[in-house]
């Protein structure tokens, strides 16, 4: 499979997204307008190579929406095999070599 596939109800506007997530439209709009303010930096982590990774804690009001997005939308989507980051059970890396080769040309 090389294309994104989604087997859920079509999401055509903010109302249908809110219905899918079981969130009020006003809440969804309010949170989306100031989403960056819901992230708070944690103590930076120094990686073995010396680089610093900054992680963030997410406020619960945004976390509820993120969890609903994951469970009700993203879990119903099939992603191309070359998209590996944070996708459950993706062990096939055959597309990565092809994609990397195309970008290097």
C-alpha atoms as a PDB file:
ATOM      1  CA  UNK A   1       0.000   0.000   0.000  1.00  0.00           C
ATOM      2  CA  UNK A   2       1.362   3.415  -0.926  1.00  0.00           C
ATOM      3  CA  UNK A   3      -1.641   5.666  -0.349  1.00  0.00           C
ATOM      4  CA  UNK A   4      -3.316   6.947   2.773  1.00  0.00           C
ATOM      5  CA  UNK A   5      -6.649   5.224   3.356  1.00  0.00           C
ATOM      6  CA  UNK A   6      -9.353   6.227   5.842  1.00  0.00           C
ATOM      7  CA  UNK A   7     -12.383   4.070   6.614  1.00  0.00           C
ATOM      8  CA  UNK A   8     -14.408   6.454   8.738  1.00  0.00           C
ATOM      9  CA  UNK A   9     -17.175   8.996   8.284  1.00  0.00           C
ATOM     10  CA  UNK A  10     -16.168  11.920   6.057  1.00  0.00           C
ATOM     11  CA  UNK A  11     -15.037  15.008   7.907  1.00  0.00           C
ATOM     12  CA  UNK A  12     -16.063  17.953   5.763  1.00  0.00           C
ATOM     13  CA  UNK A  13     -16.183  20.853   8.216  1.00  0.00           C
ATOM     14  CA  UNK A  14     -15.596  21.835  11.840  1.00  0.00           C
ATOM     15  CA  UNK A  15     -19.038  20.600  12.887  1.00  0.00           C
ATOM     16  CA  UNK A  16     -18.460  17.108  11.479  1.00  0.00           C
ATOM     17  CA  UNK A  17     -15.010  17.011  13.142  1.00  0.00           C
ATOM     18  CA  UNK A  18     -16.540  18.068  16.472  1.00  0.00           C
ATOM     19  CA  UNK A  19     -19.256  15.411  16.095  1.00  0.00           C
ATOM     20  CA  UNK A  20     -16.651  12.754  15.311  1.00  0.00           C
ATOM     21  CA  UNK A  21     -14.572  13.727  18.350  1.00  0.00           C
ATOM     22  CA  UNK A  22     -17.640  14.193  20.596  1.00  0.00           C
ATOM     23  CA  UNK A  23     -16.488  17.726  21.444  1.00  0.00           C
ATOM     24  CA  UNK A  24     -18.429  20.986  21.288  1.00  0.00           C
ATOM     25  CA  UNK A  25     -17.580  23.136  18.246  1.00  0.00           C
ATOM     26  CA  UNK A  26     -16.858  26.122  20.502  1.00  0.00           C
ATOM     27  CA  UNK A  27     -14.386  24.064  22.534  1.00  0.00           C
ATOM     28  CA  UNK A  28     -12.658  22.771  19.419  1.00  0.00           C
ATOM     29  CA  UNK A  29     -12.339  26.272  17.942  1.00  0.00           C
ATOM     30  CA  UNK A  30     -11.164  27.806  21.241  1.00  0.00           C
ATOM     31  CA  UNK A  31      -8.505  25.159  21.792  1.00  0.00           C
ATOM     32  CA  UNK A  32      -7.306  25.260  18.180  1.00  0.00           C
ATOM     33  CA  UNK A  33      -6.893  29.059  18.231  1.00  0.00           C
ATOM     34  CA  UNK A  34      -4.443  28.928  21.106  1.00  0.00           C
ATOM     35  CA  UNK A  35      -3.145  25.342  20.911  1.00  0.00           C
ATOM     36  CA  UNK A  36       0.486  26.350  21.452  1.00  0.00           C
ATOM     37  CA  UNK A  37      -0.402  27.761  24.878  1.00  0.00           C
ATOM     38  CA  UNK A  38      -1.448  24.278  26.014  1.00  0.00           C
ATOM     39  CA  UNK A  39       2.149  22.968  25.816  1.00  0.00           C
ATOM     40  CA  UNK A  40       4.490  23.486  28.770  1.00  0.00           C
ATOM     41  CA  UNK A  41       8.205  22.587  28.651  1.00  0.00           C
ATOM     42  CA  UNK A  42       9.509  19.816  30.875  1.00  0.00           C
ATOM     43  CA  UNK A  43      13.087  19.427  32.045  1.00  0.00           C
ATOM     44  CA  UNK A  44      15.262  18.983  28.910  1.00  0.00           C
ATOM     45  CA  UNK A  45      16.745  15.521  28.340  1.00  0.00           C
ATOM     46  CA  UNK A  46      20.378  15.177  27.261  1.00  0.00           C
ATOM     47  CA  UNK A  47      20.683  12.364  24.701  1.00  0.00           C
ATOM     48  CA  UNK A  48      23.734  10.056  24.518  1.00  0.00           C
ATOM     49  CA  UNK A  49      25.109  12.027  21.560  1.00  0.00           C
ATOM     50  CA  UNK A  50      25.062  15.231  23.635  1.00  0.00           C
ATOM     51  CA  UNK A  51      22.113  16.857  21.900  1.00  0.00           C
ATOM     52  CA  UNK A  52      19.260  18.127  24.027  1.00  0.00           C
ATOM     53  CA  UNK A  53      15.680  16.937  23.541  1.00  0.00           C
ATOM     54  CA  UNK A  54      13.016  19.298  24.805  1.00  0.00           C
ATOM     55  CA  UNK A  55       9.788  17.544  25.741  1.00  0.00           C
ATOM     56  CA  UNK A  56       6.480  19.138  26.668  1.00  0.00           C
ATOM     57  CA  UNK A  57       3.579  18.423  28.997  1.00  0.00           C
ATOM     58  CA  UNK A  58       0.155  18.934  27.413  1.00  0.00           C
ATOM     59  CA  UNK A  59      -2.783  20.425  29.330  1.00  0.00           C
ATOM     60  CA  UNK A  60      -5.632  17.987  29.846  1.00  0.00           C
ATOM     61  CA  UNK A  61      -8.128  19.954  27.710  1.00  0.00           C
ATOM     62  CA  UNK A  62      -5.915  19.571  24.636  1.00  0.00           C
ATOM     63  CA  UNK A  63      -4.914  16.023  25.555  1.00  0.00           C
ATOM     64  CA  UNK A  64      -8.592  14.938  25.503  1.00  0.00           C
ATOM     65  CA  UNK A  65      -8.924  16.224  21.928  1.00  0.00           C
ATOM     66  CA  UNK A  66      -5.609  14.642  20.873  1.00  0.00           C
ATOM     67  CA  UNK A  67      -6.673  11.281  22.315  1.00  0.00           C
ATOM     68  CA  UNK A  68     -10.022  11.471  20.507  1.00  0.00           C
ATOM     69  CA  UNK A  69      -8.221  12.294  17.229  1.00  0.00           C
ATOM     70  CA  UNK A  70      -5.993   9.261  17.679  1.00  0.00           C
ATOM     71  CA  UNK A  71      -8.761   6.841  18.684  1.00  0.00           C
ATOM     72  CA  UNK A  72     -11.562   8.005  16.383  1.00  0.00           C
ATOM     73  CA  UNK A  73      -9.704   9.145  13.252  1.00  0.00           C
ATOM     74  CA  UNK A  74      -6.040   8.146  13.016  1.00  0.00           C
ATOM     75  CA  UNK A  75      -6.677   4.592  14.228  1.00  0.00           C
ATOM     76  CA  UNK A  76      -9.035   4.179  11.236  1.00  0.00           C
ATOM     77  CA  UNK A  77      -6.389   5.245   8.745  1.00  0.00           C
ATOM     78  CA  UNK A  78      -3.811   3.096   6.978  1.00  0.00           C
ATOM     79  CA  UNK A  79      -0.545   4.846   6.274  1.00  0.00           C
ATOM     80  CA  UNK A  80       2.127   4.181   3.637  1.00  0.00           C
ATOM     81  CA  UNK A  81       4.927   1.967   4.962  1.00  0.00           C
ATOM     82  CA  UNK A  82       7.564   4.712   4.674  1.00  0.00           C
ATOM     83  CA  UNK A  83       5.835   6.703   7.413  1.00  0.00           C
ATOM     84  CA  UNK A  84       7.352   5.092  10.468  1.00  0.00           C
ATOM     85  CA  UNK A  85       7.344   7.620  13.300  1.00  0.00           C
ATOM     86  CA  UNK A  86       4.884   6.710  16.048  1.00  0.00           C
ATOM     87  CA  UNK A  87       2.748   4.434  13.895  1.00  0.00           C
ATOM     88  CA  UNK A  88       1.870   1.194  15.652  1.00  0.00           C
ATOM     89  CA  UNK A  89       3.330  -2.075  14.364  1.00  0.00           C
ATOM     90  CA  UNK A  90       5.082  -0.703  11.301  1.00  0.00           C
ATOM     91  CA  UNK A  91       8.082  -2.952  10.713  1.00  0.00           C
ATOM     92  CA  UNK A  92       8.277  -2.787   6.900  1.00  0.00           C
ATOM     93  CA  UNK A  93      10.946  -0.245   5.926  1.00  0.00           C
ATOM     94  CA  UNK A  94      11.083  -1.053   2.198  1.00  0.00           C
ATOM     95  CA  UNK A  95       9.524   2.282   1.276  1.00  0.00           C
ATOM     96  CA  UNK A  96      12.121   4.203   3.281  1.00  0.00           C
ATOM     97  CA  UNK A  97      14.968   3.200   0.968  1.00  0.00           C
ATOM     98  CA  UNK A  98      12.983   4.151  -2.122  1.00  0.00           C
ATOM     99  CA  UNK A  99      11.852   7.462  -0.627  1.00  0.00           C
ATOM    100  CA  UNK A 100      15.380   8.330   0.560  1.00  0.00           C
ATOM    101  CA  UNK A 101      16.805   7.473  -2.859  1.00  0.00           C
ATOM    102  CA  UNK A 102      14.271   9.727  -4.601  1.00  0.00           C
ATOM    103  CA  UNK A 103      15.135  12.671  -2.360  1.00  0.00           C
ATOM    104  CA  UNK A 104      18.868  12.224  -2.944  1.00  0.00           C
ATOM    105  CA  UNK A 105      18.602  12.355  -6.733  1.00  0.00           C
END
